[in-house]
Amino acid sequence: MRKTIGHCHVCGKYGPLTFEHIPPQSAGNTNKTKIYRSEDAISRLRQGNGEGIHYQQSQRGMGYDALCNSCNSYFGRHYVPEFSRVFNQLNTIVINELKPEYQSLAIQIPSFRPLAFCKQIISNFCTINKAGALSDCKDYLLNKEERNFPERYRLYMAIIGKDSTATSMGWSLTLGNSGEIRALTYLCMPPITLTLYDMDRCSAMPVIAGDMTSISTTAWDEISDVTLTLPVESASK
């Protein structure tokens, strides 16, 4: 297979790019999937069923040629194991406990390493956006102990049913229910959705549940048992 050549979406180095699975293969991302991006993703979210909307068919699971081998390997060593462990636990809980009428779900995570989990998420947002779109996160991601997460960003997480379609959306401007402008990038990888807001480009703070921004500045060696209370997002939202 011919290698994609370009700038790494994290470090900016020009050369061969590796395929970054979102979520990781160790989180079950190995089957072929439909990938929606940007305006197509917004249309799908509004219509719910996704019929007639453009998508790309990936035979390797959801992901993109976006990272150099060095960045991909670094994230695989330091961030992927914790992310996949938590993701797989969330998946099991959602399958066994989520009911259609639930608006939120409290999930207990033992021995949670929040910084590693968060950094894998931010690396995913780098992957789905253009090279350099989150250049201010470079130092944060390439030093596992770095806690200086750019203050302009807010990270939100929600639960979604396993029958939802994996979706990614690069930086886009949307209108909130009250007409406020929101600059966001979005990932749906069932059973979770992730939204990153750029507050420098938002006209107002989003007033929604699921704010996970606080985990971005925890210590690398912080490990604790936590209970995450996450909102449940409708697949047709």
Protein backbone atom coordinates (compact mmCIF):
# COMPACT_ATOMS: atom_id res chain seq x y z
CA MET A 1 0.00 0.00 0.00
CA ARG A 2 1.36 3.42 -0.97
CA LYS A 3 2.31 5.63 1.98
CA THR A 4 0.63 8.99 2.44
CA ILE A 5 3.20 11.80 2.56
CA GLY A 6 2.51 15.02 4.43
CA HIS A 7 2.96 16.99 7.62
CA CYS A 8 2.37 15.19 10.91
CA HIS A 9 -0.75 16.65 12.51
CA VAL A 10 0.99 16.93 15.89
CA CYS A 11 4.72 17.67 15.49
CA GLY A 12 4.58 19.10 11.96
CA LYS A 13 7.38 16.92 10.56
CA TYR A 14 7.08 16.28 6.81
CA GLY A 15 7.31 12.65 5.67
CA PRO A 16 5.40 9.36 5.61
CA LEU A 17 2.22 9.36 7.71
CA THR A 18 0.93 6.38 9.66
CA PHE A 19 -2.71 5.35 10.01
CA GLU A 20 -4.08 6.43 13.37
CA HIS A 21 -7.05 4.36 14.53
CA ILE A 22 -9.81 6.29 16.33
CA PRO A 23 -10.48 4.72 18.76
CA PRO A 24 -7.38 2.47 19.02
CA GLN A 25 -7.45 -1.07 17.68
CA SER A 26 -7.19 -2.30 21.28
CA ALA A 27 -10.57 -0.63 21.84
CA GLY A 28 -12.18 -2.83 19.17
CA ASN A 29 -11.71 -0.54 16.16
CA THR A 30 -10.88 -3.20 13.58
CA ASN A 31 -13.99 -3.48 11.38
CA LYS A 32 -14.84 -1.55 8.22
CA THR A 33 -16.75 1.63 8.93
CA LYS A 34 -18.33 4.67 7.30
CA ILE A 35 -16.50 7.92 8.04
CA TYR A 36 -18.35 11.23 7.85
CA ARG A 37 -16.48 14.54 7.99
CA SER A 38 -17.19 18.28 8.43
CA GLU A 39 -20.44 19.45 6.79
CA ASP A 40 -21.39 15.84 6.02
CA ALA A 41 -21.15 15.02 9.73
CA ILE A 42 -23.36 17.97 10.67
CA SER A 43 -25.97 16.89 8.12
CA ARG A 44 -25.93 13.36 9.45
CA LEU A 45 -26.34 14.51 13.04
CA ARG A 46 -29.34 16.64 12.05
CA GLN A 47 -31.03 13.97 9.94
CA GLY A 48 -30.34 11.12 12.33
CA ASN A 49 -30.35 8.25 9.83
CA GLY A 50 -27.55 9.51 7.57
CA GLU A 51 -29.30 8.43 4.35
CA GLY A 52 -27.95 10.03 1.18
CA ILE A 53 -25.06 11.78 2.96
CA HIS A 54 -21.50 11.47 1.61
CA TYR A 55 -19.11 9.23 3.54
CA GLN A 56 -15.79 7.45 3.08
CA GLN A 57 -15.66 3.67 3.51
CA SER A 58 -12.66 2.53 5.55
CA GLN A 59 -11.70 -1.14 5.58
CA ARG A 60 -9.29 -0.72 8.52
CA GLY A 61 -11.71 0.79 11.00
CA MET A 62 -12.16 4.46 11.72
CA GLY A 63 -8.96 6.48 11.38
CA TYR A 64 -6.75 8.64 9.17
CA ASP A 65 -3.23 8.90 7.80
CA ALA A 66 -2.20 11.77 10.03
CA LEU A 67 0.72 11.05 12.37
CA CYS A 68 4.42 10.41 11.86
CA ASN A 69 5.71 7.12 13.19
CA SER A 70 7.41 8.83 16.16
CA CYS A 71 4.24 10.55 17.41
CA ASN A 72 2.10 7.48 16.78
CA SER A 73 4.52 5.28 18.74
CA TYR A 74 4.78 7.77 21.61
CA PHE A 75 1.02 7.95 22.03
CA GLY A 76 0.75 4.18 21.70
CA ARG A 77 3.19 3.67 24.58
CA HIS A 78 1.93 6.31 26.98
CA TYR A 79 -1.73 7.15 26.27
CA VAL A 80 -3.43 4.36 24.34
CA PRO A 81 -3.33 1.66 27.07
CA GLU A 82 -5.25 3.78 29.58
CA PHE A 83 -7.69 5.12 27.01
CA SER A 84 -8.49 1.65 25.70
CA ARG A 85 -8.91 0.24 29.21
CA VAL A 86 -11.44 2.93 30.14
CA PHE A 87 -13.14 2.85 26.72
CA ASN A 88 -13.67 -0.91 26.90
CA GLN A 89 -15.05 -0.61 30.43
CA LEU A 90 -17.45 2.13 29.31
CA ASN A 91 -18.52 -0.07 26.41
CA THR A 92 -19.36 -2.97 28.72
CA ILE A 93 -21.32 -0.75 31.09
CA VAL A 94 -23.30 0.92 28.30
CA ILE A 95 -24.22 -2.43 26.75
CA ASN A 96 -25.40 -3.84 30.09
CA GLU A 97 -26.89 -0.80 31.83
CA LEU A 98 -27.96 1.94 29.39
CA LYS A 99 -31.71 2.24 28.97
CA PRO A 100 -33.54 4.42 26.39
CA GLU A 101 -35.06 6.67 29.06
CA TYR A 102 -31.73 7.52 30.72
CA GLN A 103 -30.58 11.13 30.48
CA SER A 104 -27.31 10.48 32.31
CA LEU A 105 -25.26 7.54 33.49
CA ALA A 106 -22.95 7.29 36.52
CA ILE A 107 -19.94 5.13 35.75
CA GLN A 108 -17.33 3.97 38.24
CA ILE A 109 -13.77 3.84 36.88
CA PRO A 110 -11.19 2.16 39.15
CA SER A 111 -7.54 3.28 39.08
CA PHE A 112 -8.29 6.07 36.60
CA ARG A 113 -5.30 7.89 35.07
CA PRO A 114 -6.99 11.06 33.84
CA LEU A 115 -4.06 12.78 32.12
CA ALA A 116 -3.19 9.81 29.91
CA PHE A 117 -6.88 9.38 29.02
CA CYS A 118 -7.24 13.08 28.17
CA LYS A 119 -4.07 13.25 26.07
CA GLN A 120 -5.17 10.38 23.87
CA ILE A 121 -8.42 12.26 23.22
CA ILE A 122 -6.59 15.47 22.29
CA SER A 123 -4.28 13.51 19.96
CA ASN A 124 -7.43 12.18 18.25
CA PHE A 125 -8.66 15.71 17.67
CA CYS A 126 -5.29 16.54 16.11
CA THR A 127 -5.70 13.52 13.85
CA ILE A 128 -9.15 14.40 12.49
CA ASN A 129 -8.25 18.05 11.83
CA LYS A 130 -5.78 19.52 9.34
CA ALA A 131 -2.08 19.52 10.18
CA GLY A 132 -1.36 22.44 12.50
CA ALA A 133 -5.01 23.03 13.46
CA LEU A 134 -4.14 22.33 17.10
CA SER A 135 -0.49 23.34 16.97
CA ASP A 136 -0.71 24.86 20.46
CA CYS A 137 -1.21 21.32 21.82
CA LYS A 138 2.12 20.01 20.44
CA ASP A 139 4.19 20.42 23.62
CA TYR A 140 1.29 19.21 25.74
CA LEU A 141 1.08 15.95 23.80
CA LEU A 142 4.76 15.23 23.24
CA ASN A 143 5.70 15.42 26.93
CA LYS A 144 3.57 13.00 28.90
CA GLU A 145 4.03 14.97 32.13
CA GLU A 146 3.19 18.38 30.64
CA ARG A 147 0.07 19.85 32.27
CA ASN A 148 -0.15 23.18 30.44
CA PHE A 149 -3.26 22.55 28.37
CA PRO A 150 -4.23 25.66 26.35
CA GLU A 151 -6.89 27.60 28.28
CA ARG A 152 -8.88 28.34 25.11
CA TYR A 153 -10.22 24.77 24.91
CA ARG A 154 -13.11 23.05 26.71
CA LEU A 155 -13.56 19.28 26.48
CA TYR A 156 -16.93 17.57 26.83
CA MET A 157 -17.82 13.87 26.87
CA ALA A 158 -21.18 12.10 26.63
CA ILE A 159 -22.56 8.58 26.33
CA ILE A 160 -24.27 7.39 23.15
CA GLY A 161 -25.84 4.08 22.18
CA LYS A 162 -23.69 1.38 20.58
CA ASP A 163 -25.89 1.34 17.45
CA SER A 164 -24.73 4.86 16.53
CA THR A 165 -22.41 5.44 13.57
CA ALA A 166 -18.81 6.52 14.08
CA THR A 167 -18.48 10.15 13.00
CA SER A 168 -15.71 12.76 12.96
CA MET A 169 -16.00 16.47 12.32
CA GLY A 170 -13.12 18.92 11.98
CA TRP A 171 -13.29 22.51 13.24
CA SER A 172 -16.67 23.97 12.31
CA LEU A 173 -18.82 26.94 13.30
CA THR A 174 -22.34 26.06 14.44
CA LEU A 175 -25.26 27.97 15.94
CA GLY A 176 -26.56 27.08 19.38
CA ASN A 177 -30.24 27.02 20.32
CA SER A 178 -30.10 30.70 21.36
CA GLY A 179 -28.19 31.82 18.28
CA GLU A 180 -24.75 31.77 19.91
CA ILE A 181 -21.77 30.89 17.71
CA ARG A 182 -19.88 27.75 18.68
CA ALA A 183 -16.51 26.72 17.27
CA LEU A 184 -16.11 23.00 17.81
CA THR A 185 -14.62 19.75 16.59
CA TYR A 186 -16.50 16.52 17.27
CA LEU A 187 -15.92 12.79 17.55
CA CYS A 188 -18.53 10.07 17.87
CA MET A 189 -16.97 6.72 18.64
CA PRO A 190 -19.68 4.68 20.34
CA PRO A 191 -20.24 4.38 23.24
CA ILE A 192 -18.90 7.92 23.73
CA THR A 193 -19.00 11.28 21.99
CA LEU A 194 -16.32 13.92 22.47
CA THR A 195 -16.57 17.63 21.70
CA LEU A 196 -13.74 20.16 21.89
CA TYR A 197 -14.73 23.84 21.93
CA ASP A 198 -12.41 26.72 21.03
CA MET A 199 -13.62 29.44 23.40
CA ASP A 200 -11.62 32.12 21.57
CA ARG A 201 -14.02 31.65 18.65
CA CYS A 202 -17.24 31.05 20.60
CA SER A 203 -19.60 33.92 21.34
CA ALA A 204 -20.71 32.28 24.61
CA MET A 205 -19.79 29.40 26.88
CA PRO A 206 -21.84 26.25 26.14
CA VAL A 207 -24.11 25.46 29.07
CA ILE A 208 -24.17 21.68 28.80
CA ALA A 209 -23.28 18.70 30.96
CA GLY A 210 -20.23 16.50 30.54
CA ASP A 211 -17.40 19.03 31.01
CA MET A 212 -14.17 17.01 31.32
CA THR A 213 -11.71 19.89 30.92
CA SER A 214 -10.46 19.60 34.51
CA ILE A 215 -8.76 16.26 33.83
CA SER A 216 -6.44 17.93 31.31
CA THR A 217 -4.23 19.46 34.02
CA THR A 218 -3.97 16.60 36.51
CA ALA A 219 -0.59 15.15 37.43
CA TRP A 220 0.80 12.36 35.25
CA ASP A 221 1.13 9.98 38.20
CA GLU A 222 -2.35 10.73 39.61
CA ILE A 223 -4.36 7.53 39.89
CA SER A 224 -7.71 7.30 41.68
CA ASP A 225 -11.07 5.57 41.71
CA VAL A 226 -13.63 7.95 40.20
CA THR A 227 -17.30 8.09 39.30
CA LEU A 228 -18.03 9.84 36.01
CA THR A 229 -21.59 11.11 35.61
CA LEU A 230 -22.02 11.60 31.88
CA PRO A 231 -25.01 12.88 29.88
CA VAL A 232 -26.62 10.54 27.37
CA GLU A 233 -26.67 11.95 23.85
CA SER A 234 -29.39 11.05 21.40
CA ALA A 235 -28.20 9.48 18.14
CA SER A 236 -30.60 11.77 16.28
CA LYS A 237 -29.51 14.95 18.09
